[in-house]
Amino acid sequence: MRVEVTDFVAGAAQARGIAVVIDVFRAFSFAPYAVAAGARVLPVAGVEEALSLKVAHPGWLVCGERDARPPLGFDFGNSPHDITQADVSGRVLVHTTHSGTQGLVACDGADEVLTGSLVNAAAIVRYVQRRAPQAVTLVRMGWQARERCTEDDACASILAARLTGQAIDERALIAALTDSPAAAKFHDPAATYAPLEDLALCTNLDFFNFVLRRSAADAEGLRFLERLDV
């Protein structure tokens, strides 16, 4: 198995084999918590696309962020804590973010596309090992899909080490995230769109025993995230 690490939308477009698109703070931590709460998640690239889908499907909800904040007209932001406090069971959540969903929809050359985060890292590794692909591409989406960030680097390092059987100090990597640049918003009381609880939820290593895989396109051309327990 060849494990390659790439970055940003360009890296997603180049991904081959099984692509794992990583966005720890917070897109692909948000998505597993939403799915665990009973929602279906539909990742899309654009804000206008998300709002148009809500118009076409009045029962659907839109969630996500630009510059970490929920855009005008959205039902939810990108907070794992907030979505766990809402009743979203049986609802469709159209999800768009500055980084994570951009990479997810760009992975046209991969055989399979998974979301990547710390909360289901063990499940991701089990799934990949069972599938035994020739290639795995770990795509670090970073800050606004243009700069490397500590949390996505840490997640990629943990996944790569586990997949290749290398030793790594996972605790130290995760502990460092508390004071990382991207975590500053969680410590800011004025940033109500990023509650402090999000930090603990996003760094809850190996909490979920499922992966989220981008589905084949349906009759409308939409690709949902499907839950696969492993």
Protein backbone atom coordinates (compact mmCIF):
# COMPACT_ATOMS: atom_id res chain seq x y z
CA MET A 1 0.00 0.00 0.00
CA ARG A 2 1.42 3.37 -1.03
CA VAL A 3 0.46 6.26 1.25
CA GLU A 4 0.78 9.75 -0.21
CA VAL A 5 0.06 13.05 1.53
CA THR A 6 -1.17 16.01 -0.50
CA ASP A 7 -2.63 19.43 0.25
CA PHE A 8 -5.59 21.63 -0.59
CA VAL A 9 -7.95 21.41 -3.55
CA ALA A 10 -5.11 20.74 -5.98
CA GLY A 11 -4.05 17.78 -3.86
CA ALA A 12 -7.62 16.50 -3.78
CA ALA A 13 -7.86 16.69 -7.56
CA GLN A 14 -4.68 14.61 -7.82
CA ALA A 15 -5.77 11.99 -5.25
CA ARG A 16 -5.78 8.36 -6.34
CA GLY A 17 -6.89 5.10 -4.77
CA ILE A 18 -8.76 5.76 -1.55
CA ALA A 19 -8.73 9.48 -0.81
CA VAL A 20 -9.13 10.65 2.78
CA VAL A 21 -9.97 14.35 2.82
CA ILE A 22 -8.94 15.76 6.20
CA ASP A 23 -10.56 18.72 7.95
CA VAL A 24 -10.33 18.40 11.74
CA PHE A 25 -11.46 21.95 12.70
CA ARG A 26 -14.30 21.42 11.90
CA ALA A 27 -16.01 20.13 8.76
CA PHE A 28 -15.24 16.45 9.06
CA SER A 29 -15.67 16.40 12.79
CA PHE A 30 -19.06 18.09 12.37
CA ALA A 31 -20.20 15.53 9.80
CA PRO A 32 -19.72 12.39 11.95
CA TYR A 33 -21.50 13.99 14.91
CA ALA A 34 -24.37 14.99 12.62
CA VAL A 35 -24.63 11.50 11.13
CA ALA A 36 -24.48 9.94 14.59
CA ALA A 37 -27.42 12.19 15.51
CA GLY A 38 -29.44 10.66 12.67
CA ALA A 39 -28.94 13.24 9.91
CA ARG A 40 -27.97 12.68 6.28
CA VAL A 41 -25.17 14.98 5.16
CA LEU A 42 -24.83 16.31 1.63
CA PRO A 43 -21.47 18.09 1.08
CA VAL A 44 -21.40 20.78 -1.60
CA ALA A 45 -18.88 23.39 -2.65
CA GLY A 46 -20.80 26.65 -2.82
CA VAL A 47 -22.97 28.75 -0.52
CA GLU A 48 -25.41 29.57 -3.33
CA GLU A 49 -25.61 25.92 -4.29
CA ALA A 50 -26.48 25.02 -0.70
CA LEU A 51 -29.19 27.68 -0.49
CA SER A 52 -30.61 26.66 -3.87
CA LEU A 53 -30.93 23.08 -2.70
CA LYS A 54 -32.88 24.27 0.33
CA VAL A 55 -35.27 26.13 -1.97
CA ALA A 56 -35.69 23.01 -4.10
CA HIS A 57 -36.12 20.81 -1.00
CA PRO A 58 -37.87 22.93 1.66
CA GLY A 59 -37.41 20.29 4.35
CA TRP A 60 -33.64 20.31 4.05
CA LEU A 61 -31.37 22.37 6.29
CA VAL A 62 -28.19 24.21 5.31
CA CYS A 63 -25.11 24.36 7.49
CA GLY A 64 -21.44 25.22 7.31
CA GLU A 65 -19.18 28.26 7.29
CA ARG A 66 -17.17 30.88 5.55
CA ASP A 67 -14.38 32.38 7.68
CA ALA A 68 -15.65 30.03 10.44
CA ARG A 69 -19.02 31.84 10.59
CA PRO A 70 -22.37 30.60 9.26
CA PRO A 71 -23.35 32.48 6.08
CA LEU A 72 -26.57 34.48 5.94
CA GLY A 73 -29.61 32.24 5.58
CA PHE A 74 -27.98 29.13 7.04
CA ASP A 75 -29.74 27.04 9.68
CA PHE A 76 -26.55 25.98 11.43
CA GLY A 77 -22.89 26.83 11.39
CA ASN A 78 -20.09 24.28 11.45
CA SER A 79 -20.10 23.51 15.18
CA PRO A 80 -20.11 19.85 16.29
CA HIS A 81 -21.40 20.94 19.69
CA ASP A 82 -24.31 22.90 18.27
CA ILE A 83 -25.39 20.06 15.99
CA THR A 84 -25.38 17.59 18.89
CA GLN A 85 -27.77 19.91 20.74
CA ALA A 86 -30.24 20.08 17.83
CA ASP A 87 -32.90 17.60 16.72
CA VAL A 88 -31.68 16.64 13.25
CA SER A 89 -32.71 13.00 13.20
CA GLY A 90 -34.09 12.13 9.76
CA ARG A 91 -33.13 15.53 8.32
CA VAL A 92 -30.90 16.27 5.35
CA LEU A 93 -28.08 18.72 6.10
CA VAL A 94 -26.58 20.45 3.08
CA HIS A 95 -23.03 21.20 4.22
CA THR A 96 -20.53 23.64 2.72
CA THR A 97 -17.27 24.88 4.24
CA HIS A 98 -14.24 26.91 3.32
CA SER A 99 -11.93 23.89 3.22
CA GLY A 100 -13.24 20.39 3.78
CA THR A 101 -16.17 20.18 1.40
CA GLN A 102 -14.13 21.92 -1.31
CA GLY A 103 -11.66 19.06 -1.25
CA LEU A 104 -14.32 16.39 -1.03
CA VAL A 105 -16.07 17.43 -4.21
CA ALA A 106 -12.73 17.83 -6.04
CA CYS A 107 -11.68 14.18 -5.66
CA ASP A 108 -12.78 13.07 -9.11
CA GLY A 109 -9.80 10.81 -9.76
CA ALA A 110 -10.03 8.69 -6.60
CA ASP A 111 -11.67 5.28 -6.46
CA GLU A 112 -13.30 6.08 -3.12
CA VAL A 113 -13.49 9.26 -1.07
CA LEU A 114 -13.70 9.34 2.73
CA THR A 115 -13.93 12.22 5.17
CA GLY A 116 -10.98 12.42 7.53
CA SER A 117 -10.74 13.58 11.12
CA LEU A 118 -9.49 12.47 14.51
CA VAL A 119 -12.89 11.37 15.77
CA ASN A 120 -13.00 8.32 13.49
CA ALA A 121 -9.31 7.80 12.74
CA ALA A 122 -9.27 4.16 13.88
CA ALA A 123 -12.32 3.38 11.75
CA ILE A 124 -10.66 4.98 8.72
CA VAL A 125 -7.55 2.85 9.20
CA ARG A 126 -9.60 -0.35 9.61
CA TYR A 127 -11.63 0.43 6.51
CA VAL A 128 -8.57 1.16 4.38
CA GLN A 129 -6.76 -1.95 5.60
CA ARG A 130 -9.76 -4.13 4.77
CA ARG A 131 -10.07 -2.62 1.31
CA ALA A 132 -6.31 -3.08 0.78
CA PRO A 133 -5.93 -0.52 -2.02
CA GLN A 134 -2.72 -0.05 -3.91
CA ALA A 135 -2.77 3.67 -3.08
CA VAL A 136 -4.10 5.89 -0.31
CA THR A 137 -4.05 9.68 -0.58
CA LEU A 138 -4.32 11.72 2.60
CA VAL A 139 -5.46 15.21 1.63
CA ARG A 140 -4.77 17.91 4.22
CA MET A 141 -7.20 20.73 3.50
CA GLY A 142 -5.61 23.23 5.89
CA TRP A 143 -6.75 26.74 6.73
CA GLN A 144 -9.15 28.01 4.07
CA ALA A 145 -7.72 25.36 1.74
CA ARG A 146 -4.59 27.44 1.18
CA GLU A 147 -2.30 27.15 4.24
CA ARG A 148 -1.14 24.13 6.20
CA CYS A 149 -2.58 23.86 9.71
CA THR A 150 -1.50 21.99 12.82
CA GLU A 151 -4.67 19.94 13.29
CA ASP A 152 -4.85 18.54 9.76
CA ASP A 153 -1.11 17.84 9.77
CA ALA A 154 -1.53 15.94 13.05
CA CYS A 155 -4.41 13.87 11.72
CA ALA A 156 -2.54 12.99 8.54
CA SER A 157 0.52 12.00 10.59
CA ILE A 158 -1.56 9.72 12.82
CA LEU A 159 -3.33 8.08 9.90
CA ALA A 160 -0.10 7.61 7.93
CA ALA A 161 1.72 6.14 10.94
CA ARG A 162 -1.07 3.69 11.68
CA LEU A 163 -1.38 2.63 8.05
CA THR A 164 2.35 2.03 7.71
CA GLY A 165 2.95 0.56 11.17
CA GLN A 166 5.19 3.34 12.41
CA ALA A 167 5.38 4.60 16.00
CA ILE A 168 4.24 8.15 16.68
CA ASP A 169 3.48 10.17 19.81
CA GLU A 170 -0.23 10.69 19.19
CA ARG A 171 -0.90 12.20 22.61
CA ALA A 172 1.67 14.93 22.08
CA LEU A 173 0.25 15.78 18.66
CA ILE A 174 -3.27 16.08 20.00
CA ALA A 175 -2.24 17.97 23.15
CA ALA A 176 -0.55 20.58 20.97
CA LEU A 177 -3.85 21.34 19.26
CA THR A 178 -5.22 23.10 22.35
CA ASP A 179 -2.93 26.06 21.74
CA SER A 180 -2.75 25.85 17.95
CA PRO A 181 -3.61 28.94 15.89
CA ALA A 182 -6.88 27.47 14.63
CA ALA A 183 -7.98 26.71 18.20
CA ALA A 184 -7.90 30.39 19.22
CA LYS A 185 -11.51 30.89 18.19
CA PHE A 186 -12.66 28.20 20.64
CA HIS A 187 -11.13 30.18 23.52
CA ASP A 188 -12.74 33.46 22.46
CA PRO A 189 -16.05 34.05 24.30
CA ALA A 190 -17.12 36.43 21.53
CA ALA A 191 -16.84 33.65 18.94
CA THR A 192 -20.24 32.15 19.66
CA TYR A 193 -20.08 30.31 16.33
CA ALA A 194 -17.14 28.26 17.70
CA PRO A 195 -17.99 27.17 21.26
CA LEU A 196 -15.23 25.87 23.50
CA GLU A 197 -16.91 22.45 23.52
CA ASP A 198 -15.96 22.08 19.86
CA LEU A 199 -12.30 21.72 20.77
CA ALA A 200 -12.92 18.63 22.89
CA LEU A 201 -15.33 17.14 20.38
CA CYS A 202 -12.94 17.63 17.45
CA THR A 203 -9.99 16.08 19.31
CA ASN A 204 -11.96 13.10 20.63
CA LEU A 205 -9.67 10.52 19.07
CA ASP A 206 -11.26 7.29 17.78
CA PHE A 207 -14.70 8.13 19.17
CA PHE A 208 -16.77 6.81 16.24
CA ASN A 209 -16.61 3.33 14.76
CA PHE A 210 -17.73 4.31 11.27
CA VAL A 211 -16.40 6.03 8.18
CA LEU A 212 -18.21 8.48 5.94
CA ARG A 213 -17.81 7.71 2.24
CA ARG A 214 -18.96 9.88 -0.61
CA SER A 215 -21.74 8.03 -2.40
CA ALA A 216 -22.29 7.58 -6.09
CA ALA A 217 -24.37 10.33 -7.68
CA ASP A 218 -28.10 9.91 -7.34
CA ALA A 219 -30.75 10.82 -9.96
CA GLU A 220 -30.19 14.53 -9.22
CA GLY A 221 -26.43 14.18 -9.43
CA LEU A 222 -26.06 14.58 -5.66
CA ARG A 223 -23.44 12.71 -3.64
CA PHE A 224 -24.33 12.18 0.01
CA LEU A 225 -22.08 10.88 2.77
CA GLU A 226 -22.88 7.26 3.53
CA ARG A 227 -22.14 5.74 6.89
CA LEU A 228 -20.19 2.49 6.88
CA ASP A 229 -19.66 0.83 10.24
CA VAL A 230 -16.29 -0.89 10.56
